[in-house]
Protein backbone atom coordinates (compact mmCIF):
# COMPACT_ATOMS: atom_id res chain seq x y z
CA MET A 1 137.91 154.46 161.76
CA LYS A 2 134.39 154.28 160.40
CA ASN A 3 133.72 153.94 156.68
CA LEU A 4 131.12 155.98 154.83
CA LEU A 5 130.32 154.78 151.32
CA ILE A 6 128.70 156.98 148.69
CA VAL A 7 127.09 155.08 145.82
CA ALA A 8 125.86 157.77 143.47
CA HIS A 9 125.05 157.99 139.79
CA ALA A 10 126.62 161.16 138.35
CA PRO A 11 126.05 161.26 134.57
CA SER A 12 126.31 165.06 134.20
CA GLU A 13 128.47 167.92 135.37
CA ASN A 14 125.81 169.02 137.87
CA THR A 15 125.27 165.56 139.35
CA ARG A 16 129.04 165.21 139.59
CA ARG A 17 129.07 168.47 141.58
CA MET A 18 126.49 166.97 143.93
CA VAL A 19 128.52 163.83 144.69
CA GLU A 20 131.70 165.89 145.10
CA ALA A 21 129.82 168.12 147.55
CA ALA A 22 128.68 165.09 149.59
CA LEU A 23 132.30 163.92 149.68
CA LYS A 24 133.49 167.38 150.73
CA GLY A 25 130.97 167.48 153.56
CA ALA A 26 131.89 164.00 154.76
CA ARG A 27 135.56 164.98 154.75
CA HIS A 28 135.05 168.12 156.83
CA PRO A 29 138.22 168.87 158.84
CA ASP A 30 136.37 168.52 162.16
CA ILE A 31 135.45 164.92 161.30
CA ASP A 32 138.54 162.82 161.83
CA GLY A 33 137.20 159.33 162.57
CA VAL A 34 135.52 158.66 159.22
CA ASN A 35 136.88 157.58 155.86
CA CYS A 36 134.62 158.42 152.95
CA ARG A 37 134.74 157.25 149.37
CA TRP A 38 132.54 157.39 146.29
CA VAL A 39 131.98 154.37 144.10
CA PRO A 40 129.76 154.77 141.02
CA PRO A 41 126.86 152.29 141.12
CA LEU A 42 128.03 150.26 138.12
CA GLU A 43 131.39 149.72 139.85
CA ALA A 44 130.12 149.15 143.40
CA VAL A 45 129.98 145.56 144.65
CA ALA A 46 128.61 143.80 147.72
CA ASP A 47 132.04 143.88 149.40
CA ASP A 48 131.92 147.70 149.28
CA VAL A 49 128.65 147.67 151.19
CA LEU A 50 129.78 144.97 153.61
CA ALA A 51 132.85 147.07 154.47
CA CYS A 52 130.97 150.30 155.22
CA ASP A 53 129.39 151.60 158.42
CA ALA A 54 126.91 153.87 156.61
CA ILE A 55 125.91 154.60 153.01
CA ILE A 56 124.70 157.58 151.02
CA LEU A 57 122.78 156.78 147.84
CA GLY A 58 122.57 159.32 145.04
CA THR A 59 120.47 159.03 141.93
CA THR A 60 118.86 160.93 139.14
CA GLU A 61 115.15 160.63 138.49
CA ASN A 62 114.75 158.66 135.28
CA LEU A 63 111.20 158.29 133.97
CA GLY A 64 109.88 158.59 137.52
CA TYR A 65 112.26 155.93 138.82
CA MET A 66 115.83 155.63 140.07
CA SER A 67 118.68 155.51 137.56
CA GLY A 68 119.24 152.16 135.88
CA ALA A 69 122.76 152.22 137.31
CA LEU A 70 121.49 152.39 140.90
CA LYS A 71 118.91 149.68 140.20
CA ASP A 72 121.69 147.49 138.80
CA PHE A 73 123.69 148.11 141.99
CA PHE A 74 120.77 146.97 144.13
CA ASP A 75 120.18 143.91 141.93
CA ARG A 76 123.79 142.80 142.45
CA ILE A 77 124.17 143.50 146.17
CA TYR A 78 120.72 142.69 147.53
CA TYR A 79 121.06 139.02 148.45
CA PRO A 80 124.77 139.06 149.38
CA CYS A 81 124.05 141.95 151.80
CA LEU A 82 120.54 141.07 152.98
CA GLU A 83 121.41 139.24 156.18
CA LYS A 84 124.72 141.01 156.84
CA THR A 85 123.87 144.72 156.61
CA GLN A 86 120.66 144.99 158.60
CA ALA A 87 120.37 148.33 160.41
CA LEU A 88 122.97 149.96 158.11
CA PRO A 89 122.50 153.73 158.43
CA CYS A 90 121.60 155.20 155.06
CA ALA A 91 120.74 158.52 153.47
CA MET A 92 119.80 159.51 149.94
CA TYR A 93 119.69 162.43 147.58
CA ILE A 94 117.68 162.55 144.36
CA ARG A 95 118.24 164.94 141.47
CA ALA A 96 114.66 165.10 140.24
CA GLY A 97 113.57 166.96 137.16
CA HIS A 98 109.97 166.48 138.28
CA ASP A 99 108.83 165.63 141.80
CA GLY A 100 111.02 162.62 142.68
CA THR A 101 108.26 160.73 144.50
CA GLY A 102 108.44 157.59 142.36
CA THR A 103 112.21 157.52 142.68
CA ARG A 104 112.04 158.00 146.42
CA ARG A 105 109.41 155.29 146.85
CA ALA A 106 111.40 152.79 144.75
CA VAL A 107 114.67 153.28 146.66
CA GLU A 108 112.91 153.31 150.04
CA THR A 109 111.18 150.02 149.18
CA ILE A 110 114.49 148.32 148.41
CA CYS A 111 116.18 149.77 151.50
CA THR A 112 113.25 148.63 153.64
CA GLY A 113 113.71 145.12 152.23
CA LEU A 114 117.39 145.29 153.16
CA ARG A 115 116.32 146.53 156.62
CA TRP A 116 118.55 149.58 156.40
CA ASN A 117 117.82 152.52 158.71
CA TRP A 118 117.27 156.01 157.39
CA ALA A 119 119.55 158.46 159.15
CA GLN A 120 117.46 161.34 157.82
CA GLU A 121 114.75 162.15 155.34
CA PRO A 122 115.79 161.79 151.69
CA LEU A 123 117.02 164.99 150.07
CA LEU A 124 114.92 165.81 147.00
CA CYS A 125 116.56 168.33 144.67
CA ARG A 126 113.58 169.10 142.43
CA GLY A 127 112.98 171.10 139.28
CA GLU A 128 115.40 173.35 137.46
CA TRP A 129 119.03 173.24 138.57
CA GLN A 130 119.83 175.36 141.64
CA ASP A 131 123.28 175.92 143.11
CA SER A 132 121.72 175.29 146.53
CA PHE A 133 121.57 171.57 145.59
CA VAL A 134 125.36 171.46 145.97
CA GLU A 135 125.18 173.03 149.44
CA GLN A 136 122.43 170.62 150.48
CA CYS A 137 124.49 167.59 149.36
CA GLU A 138 127.51 168.90 151.25
CA GLU A 139 125.37 169.23 154.38
CA LEU A 140 124.04 165.69 153.86
CA GLY A 141 127.56 164.26 153.67
CA MET A 142 128.69 166.24 156.69
CA THR A 143 125.66 165.26 158.77
CA LEU A 144 126.00 161.54 158.15
CA ALA A 145 129.78 161.54 158.64
CA ALA A 146 129.49 163.62 161.83
CA GLY A 147 126.90 161.20 163.17
CA LEU A 148 129.22 158.28 162.46
CA ASP A 149 132.14 160.12 164.04
CA ALA A 150 130.11 160.88 167.17
CA GLY A 151 128.89 157.30 167.50
CA ILE A 152 125.25 158.17 166.84
CA TYR A 153 125.12 155.62 163.99
């Protein structure tokens, strides 16, 4: 079995819906070789990352940057994971009230330092809330889990 880890900050009902959608997609009935779990960033530790085969990062845009919770996660796992998780497949979604570019750039910079590999372009859910954000997060979870299941990642 492969392990997909979702580390996502979900401080509101809508961001909770997004992480639940990513979980739902990753647990699609046609995907049977992947375990998926969500750990909030303030609870996630290096051992969670070391035990996974791929990771989805989820964050809100806070003052043009990632959430403090996700930054705290990176601060705690960076050096313990640096040499051990190179080439880890990763994906990301951002719930951005504005354009999300600063948030994207910040997370991409850290992931580049960790030498993680992007499985796909980051998902930017910009502007006013749209129910389509939930569908897009479900598709993101399903795509990454299906790729793991098929041996692509």
